[in-house]
Amino acid sequence: MKGQSFFILGLIFALIIAVLAVTNNDPVQFNYVFGSQKWPLILIILTTAVFGGVVAASLSFVKIVQLRGQVKQKNKRIAELEEEIKQYKPVEPVVEEEPIQPATRTERAQL
């Protein structure tokens, strides 16, 4: 369900960007570090959107790799602890005996 909602949000976001890009196709002055050029605004909008998507995907990939490493470490630790548990003998359960009842008068008389 979570993946579907992200997919739908992504589609809505892509639709908004497409509408903005199509309605803004006038050439604009684009200044960068080494110079400037006139480019259509549609190209600038789409390029920045794609660049933002690549950056977000890269950061997500890095986080996924880190989390997989943590899971691997935790699974290794769990396996070590399970092996340690297997080394111990199981303790026999303590069976409680019935408490000794004091002898009645008749029983004492018979002794």
C-alpha atoms as a PDB file:
ATOM      1  CA  MET A   1       0.000   0.000   0.000  1.00  0.00           C
ATOM      2  CA  LYS A   2       2.838   2.384   0.837  1.00  0.00           C
ATOM      3  CA  GLY A   3       4.517   1.768  -2.520  1.00  0.00           C
ATOM      4  CA  GLN A   4       1.292   2.457  -4.391  1.00  0.00           C
ATOM      5  CA  SER A   5       0.801   5.793  -2.659  1.00  0.00           C
ATOM      6  CA  PHE A   6       4.372   6.841  -3.514  1.00  0.00           C
ATOM      7  CA  PHE A   7       3.798   5.795  -7.121  1.00  0.00           C
ATOM      8  CA  ILE A   8       0.584   7.820  -7.348  1.00  0.00           C
ATOM      9  CA  LEU A   9       2.260  10.853  -5.755  1.00  0.00           C
ATOM     10  CA  GLY A  10       5.115  10.507  -8.237  1.00  0.00           C
ATOM     11  CA  LEU A  11       2.696  10.427 -11.147  1.00  0.00           C
ATOM     12  CA  ILE A  12       0.895  13.524  -9.867  1.00  0.00           C
ATOM     13  CA  PHE A  13       4.215  15.316  -9.424  1.00  0.00           C
ATOM     14  CA  ALA A  14       5.313  14.323 -12.962  1.00  0.00           C
ATOM     15  CA  LEU A  15       2.001  15.585 -14.364  1.00  0.00           C
ATOM     16  CA  ILE A  16       2.419  18.944 -12.617  1.00  0.00           C
ATOM     17  CA  ILE A  17       5.958  19.290 -13.976  1.00  0.00           C
ATOM     18  CA  ALA A  18       4.804  18.370 -17.494  1.00  0.00           C
ATOM     19  CA  VAL A  19       2.003  20.963 -17.392  1.00  0.00           C
ATOM     20  CA  LEU A  20       4.399  23.640 -16.114  1.00  0.00           C
ATOM     21  CA  ALA A  21       6.979  22.744 -18.744  1.00  0.00           C
ATOM     22  CA  VAL A  22       4.516  22.826 -21.658  1.00  0.00           C
ATOM     23  CA  THR A  23       2.965  26.144 -20.623  1.00  0.00           C
ATOM     24  CA  ASN A  24       6.388  27.795 -20.119  1.00  0.00           C
ATOM     25  CA  ASN A  25       8.199  27.266 -23.415  1.00  0.00           C
ATOM     26  CA  ASP A  26       9.570  30.794 -23.876  1.00  0.00           C
ATOM     27  CA  PRO A  27      13.355  31.148 -24.214  1.00  0.00           C
ATOM     28  CA  VAL A  28      15.020  32.500 -21.079  1.00  0.00           C
ATOM     29  CA  GLN A  29      18.548  33.561 -20.206  1.00  0.00           C
ATOM     30  CA  PHE A  30      20.246  30.731 -18.284  1.00  0.00           C
ATOM     31  CA  ASN A  31      23.358  31.828 -16.360  1.00  0.00           C
ATOM     32  CA  TYR A  32      25.852  29.270 -15.151  1.00  0.00           C
ATOM     33  CA  VAL A  33      29.396  29.509 -13.772  1.00  0.00           C
ATOM     34  CA  PHE A  34      31.238  29.760 -17.105  1.00  0.00           C
ATOM     35  CA  GLY A  35      28.758  31.759 -19.141  1.00  0.00           C
ATOM     36  CA  SER A  36      25.139  32.102 -20.124  1.00  0.00           C
ATOM     37  CA  GLN A  37      22.816  30.981 -22.900  1.00  0.00           C
ATOM     38  CA  LYS A  38      19.223  31.349 -23.974  1.00  0.00           C
ATOM     39  CA  TRP A  39      17.379  28.101 -23.480  1.00  0.00           C
ATOM     40  CA  PRO A  40      13.700  27.238 -23.586  1.00  0.00           C
ATOM     41  CA  LEU A  41      12.212  27.228 -20.101  1.00  0.00           C
ATOM     42  CA  ILE A  42      10.708  23.776 -20.775  1.00  0.00           C
ATOM     43  CA  LEU A  43      14.224  22.345 -21.101  1.00  0.00           C
ATOM     44  CA  ILE A  44      15.400  23.976 -17.872  1.00  0.00           C
ATOM     45  CA  ILE A  45      12.362  22.756 -15.923  1.00  0.00           C
ATOM     46  CA  LEU A  46      12.637  19.173 -17.183  1.00  0.00           C
ATOM     47  CA  THR A  47      16.410  19.074 -16.668  1.00  0.00           C
ATOM     48  CA  THR A  48      16.183  20.265 -13.076  1.00  0.00           C
ATOM     49  CA  ALA A  49      13.339  17.819 -12.363  1.00  0.00           C
ATOM     50  CA  VAL A  50      15.351  14.892 -13.746  1.00  0.00           C
ATOM     51  CA  PHE A  51      18.460  16.028 -11.871  1.00  0.00           C
ATOM     52  CA  GLY A  52      16.451  16.253  -8.636  1.00  0.00           C
ATOM     53  CA  GLY A  53      15.090  12.749  -9.200  1.00  0.00           C
ATOM     54  CA  VAL A  54      18.583  11.367  -9.778  1.00  0.00           C
ATOM     55  CA  VAL A  55      19.887  13.020  -6.608  1.00  0.00           C
ATOM     56  CA  ALA A  56      16.941  11.716  -4.544  1.00  0.00           C
ATOM     57  CA  ALA A  57      17.368   8.195  -5.953  1.00  0.00           C
ATOM     58  CA  SER A  58      21.115   8.272  -5.219  1.00  0.00           C
ATOM     59  CA  LEU A  59      20.564   9.331  -1.621  1.00  0.00           C
ATOM     60  CA  SER A  60      17.910   6.645  -1.202  1.00  0.00           C
ATOM     61  CA  PHE A  61      20.260   4.031  -2.621  1.00  0.00           C
ATOM     62  CA  VAL A  62      23.001   5.025  -0.164  1.00  0.00           C
ATOM     63  CA  LYS A  63      20.569   4.750   2.756  1.00  0.00           C
ATOM     64  CA  ILE A  64      19.336   1.346   1.549  1.00  0.00           C
ATOM     65  CA  VAL A  65      22.912   0.042   1.362  1.00  0.00           C
ATOM     66  CA  GLN A  66      23.609   1.302   4.900  1.00  0.00           C
ATOM     67  CA  LEU A  67      20.465  -0.339   6.260  1.00  0.00           C
ATOM     68  CA  ARG A  68      21.266  -3.633   4.541  1.00  0.00           C
ATOM     69  CA  GLY A  69      24.686  -3.582   6.207  1.00  0.00           C
ATOM     70  CA  GLN A  70      23.068  -3.019   9.594  1.00  0.00           C
ATOM     71  CA  VAL A  71      20.634  -5.889   9.010  1.00  0.00           C
ATOM     72  CA  LYS A  72      23.528  -8.145   8.051  1.00  0.00           C
ATOM     73  CA  GLN A  73      25.399  -7.241  11.260  1.00  0.00           C
ATOM     74  CA  LYS A  74      22.306  -7.801  13.399  1.00  0.00           C
ATOM     75  CA  ASN A  75      21.613 -11.189  11.783  1.00  0.00           C
ATOM     76  CA  LYS A  76      25.217 -12.214  12.403  1.00  0.00           C
ATOM     77  CA  ARG A  77      24.909 -11.190  16.074  1.00  0.00           C
ATOM     78  CA  ILE A  78      21.631 -13.105  16.396  1.00  0.00           C
ATOM     79  CA  ALA A  79      23.294 -16.235  14.982  1.00  0.00           C
ATOM     80  CA  GLU A  80      26.175 -15.863  17.467  1.00  0.00           C
ATOM     81  CA  LEU A  81      23.782 -15.520  20.390  1.00  0.00           C
ATOM     82  CA  GLU A  82      21.728 -18.515  19.237  1.00  0.00           C
ATOM     83  CA  GLU A  83      24.906 -20.621  19.105  1.00  0.00           C
ATOM     84  CA  GLU A  84      25.790 -19.439  22.601  1.00  0.00           C
ATOM     85  CA  ILE A  85      22.352 -20.439  23.851  1.00  0.00           C
ATOM     86  CA  LYS A  86      22.751 -23.919  22.340  1.00  0.00           C
ATOM     87  CA  GLN A  87      25.930 -24.464  24.386  1.00  0.00           C
ATOM     88  CA  TYR A  88      24.075 -24.310  27.666  1.00  0.00           C
ATOM     89  CA  LYS A  89      22.400 -27.440  29.020  1.00  0.00           C
ATOM     90  CA  PRO A  90      18.688 -27.188  29.479  1.00  0.00           C
ATOM     91  CA  VAL A  91      17.797 -26.949  33.143  1.00  0.00           C
ATOM     92  CA  GLU A  92      15.546 -29.691  34.442  1.00  0.00           C
ATOM     93  CA  PRO A  93      12.323 -28.266  35.785  1.00  0.00           C
ATOM     94  CA  VAL A  94      11.992 -28.427  39.536  1.00  0.00           C
ATOM     95  CA  VAL A  95       9.144 -30.696  40.568  1.00  0.00           C
ATOM     96  CA  GLU A  96       7.676 -29.591  43.827  1.00  0.00           C
ATOM     97  CA  GLU A  97       6.762 -32.368  46.170  1.00  0.00           C
ATOM     98  CA  GLU A  98       3.591 -32.282  48.121  1.00  0.00           C
ATOM     99  CA  PRO A  99       4.143 -30.611  51.487  1.00  0.00           C
ATOM    100  CA  ILE A 100       4.341 -32.966  54.446  1.00  0.00           C
ATOM    101  CA  GLN A 101       1.183 -32.776  56.473  1.00  0.00           C
ATOM    102  CA  PRO A 102       1.444 -32.986  60.239  1.00  0.00           C
ATOM    103  CA  ALA A 103       0.308 -36.302  61.650  1.00  0.00           C
ATOM    104  CA  THR A 104      -3.150 -36.473  63.065  1.00  0.00           C
ATOM    105  CA  ARG A 105      -3.834 -37.680  66.643  1.00  0.00           C
ATOM    106  CA  THR A 106      -4.784 -41.142  65.483  1.00  0.00           C
ATOM    107  CA  GLU A 107      -1.660 -41.491  63.392  1.00  0.00           C
ATOM    108  CA  ARG A 108       0.467 -40.339  66.333  1.00  0.00           C
ATOM    109  CA  ALA A 109      -1.255 -42.824  68.604  1.00  0.00           C
ATOM    110  CA  GLN A 110      -0.449 -45.622  66.207  1.00  0.00           C
ATOM    111  CA  LEU A 111       3.255 -44.762  66.311  1.00  0.00           C
END
